[in-house]
Amino acid sequence: MAKYDINDPTDLDIMRAQFNMITHEEWDEYIEIAEEKKMGYKNVRILKSASKKTGIAKYLSPKLINWVLDLINKIEEDEFEDEEE
């Protein structure tokens, strides 16, 4: 995932669009994987909180969206590496 500038309106729109594309089923999967991998209480909690805002990223802060997208990116990278092994 590219690094986004949370102060750039274009980057914010891209991050919000990516966040809004995540479905409820995908959120459940990400939360389950984060709990299995023991990614930490705060990270799991923020994923659960973000899952409640599915499709309405405009109500979340840019920092929170960036944090959640970074977590999702880490989860997807770990899953991809696990599949390769």
Protein backbone atom coordinates (compact mmCIF):
# COMPACT_ATOMS: atom_id res chain seq x y z
CA MET A 1 0.00 0.00 0.00
CA ALA A 2 1.23 3.47 -0.80
CA LYS A 3 2.00 5.94 1.94
CA TYR A 4 -0.64 8.63 2.05
CA ASP A 5 -0.41 12.20 3.28
CA ILE A 6 -3.34 12.71 5.64
CA ASN A 7 -3.19 16.46 4.96
CA ASP A 8 -3.64 16.08 1.20
CA PRO A 9 -7.33 16.14 0.13
CA THR A 10 -6.68 13.81 -2.81
CA ASP A 11 -4.98 11.23 -0.59
CA LEU A 12 -7.83 11.53 1.92
CA ASP A 13 -10.38 10.80 -0.80
CA ILE A 14 -8.38 7.75 -1.90
CA MET A 15 -8.11 6.45 1.67
CA ARG A 16 -11.81 6.97 2.31
CA ALA A 17 -12.70 5.19 -0.92
CA GLN A 18 -10.50 2.23 0.00
CA PHE A 19 -12.04 2.11 3.47
CA ASN A 20 -15.58 2.24 2.06
CA MET A 21 -14.90 -0.67 -0.30
CA ILE A 22 -14.33 -3.08 2.60
CA THR A 23 -17.40 -5.26 3.25
CA HIS A 24 -18.75 -6.51 6.58
CA GLU A 25 -17.52 -10.02 5.74
CA GLU A 26 -14.01 -8.74 5.07
CA TRP A 27 -14.03 -6.83 8.36
CA ASP A 28 -14.99 -10.01 10.22
CA GLU A 29 -12.16 -11.86 8.51
CA TYR A 30 -9.60 -9.14 9.32
CA ILE A 31 -10.68 -9.06 12.97
CA GLU A 32 -10.47 -12.84 13.24
CA ILE A 33 -6.98 -12.91 11.71
CA ALA A 34 -5.80 -10.05 13.96
CA GLU A 35 -7.02 -11.94 17.03
CA GLU A 36 -5.35 -15.18 15.87
CA LYS A 37 -2.06 -13.40 15.25
CA LYS A 38 -2.32 -11.58 18.59
CA MET A 39 -1.77 -8.19 16.98
CA GLY A 40 -2.55 -6.42 20.22
CA TYR A 41 -5.64 -5.25 22.04
CA LYS A 42 -5.60 -1.72 20.61
CA ASN A 43 -5.26 -2.93 17.03
CA VAL A 44 -8.06 -5.47 17.35
CA ARG A 45 -10.25 -2.93 19.09
CA ILE A 46 -9.70 -0.30 16.38
CA LEU A 47 -10.57 -2.86 13.71
CA LYS A 48 -13.79 -3.71 15.55
CA SER A 49 -14.62 -0.03 15.91
CA ALA A 50 -13.89 0.64 12.24
CA SER A 51 -16.03 -2.32 11.19
CA LYS A 52 -19.05 -0.56 12.69
CA LYS A 53 -18.41 2.37 10.35
CA THR A 54 -18.38 0.29 7.17
CA GLY A 55 -19.17 2.50 4.21
CA ILE A 56 -19.19 5.77 6.14
CA ALA A 57 -15.52 6.80 6.28
CA LYS A 58 -16.46 10.48 6.20
CA TYR A 59 -17.16 10.26 9.94
CA LEU A 60 -13.68 8.93 10.78
CA SER A 61 -10.54 10.97 11.29
CA PRO A 62 -7.78 10.76 8.67
CA LYS A 63 -5.37 9.36 11.27
CA LEU A 64 -7.78 6.58 12.17
CA ILE A 65 -8.42 5.65 8.54
CA ASN A 66 -4.69 5.58 7.88
CA TRP A 67 -4.09 3.39 10.95
CA VAL A 68 -6.81 0.94 9.96
CA LEU A 69 -5.64 0.72 6.34
CA ASP A 70 -2.07 0.09 7.54
CA LEU A 71 -3.32 -2.73 9.78
CA ILE A 72 -5.29 -4.26 6.92
CA ASN A 73 -2.28 -4.01 4.66
CA LYS A 74 -0.14 -5.78 7.29
CA ILE A 75 -2.75 -8.53 7.68
CA GLU A 76 -2.99 -9.05 3.92
CA GLU A 77 0.80 -9.17 3.55
CA ASP A 78 1.09 -11.72 6.35
CA GLU A 79 -1.66 -13.85 4.80
CA PHE A 80 0.03 -13.68 1.39
CA GLU A 81 3.35 -14.78 2.91
CA ASP A 82 1.62 -17.63 4.73
CA GLU A 83 0.02 -18.82 1.48
CA GLU A 84 3.40 -18.84 -0.28
CA GLU A 85 4.90 -21.13 2.36
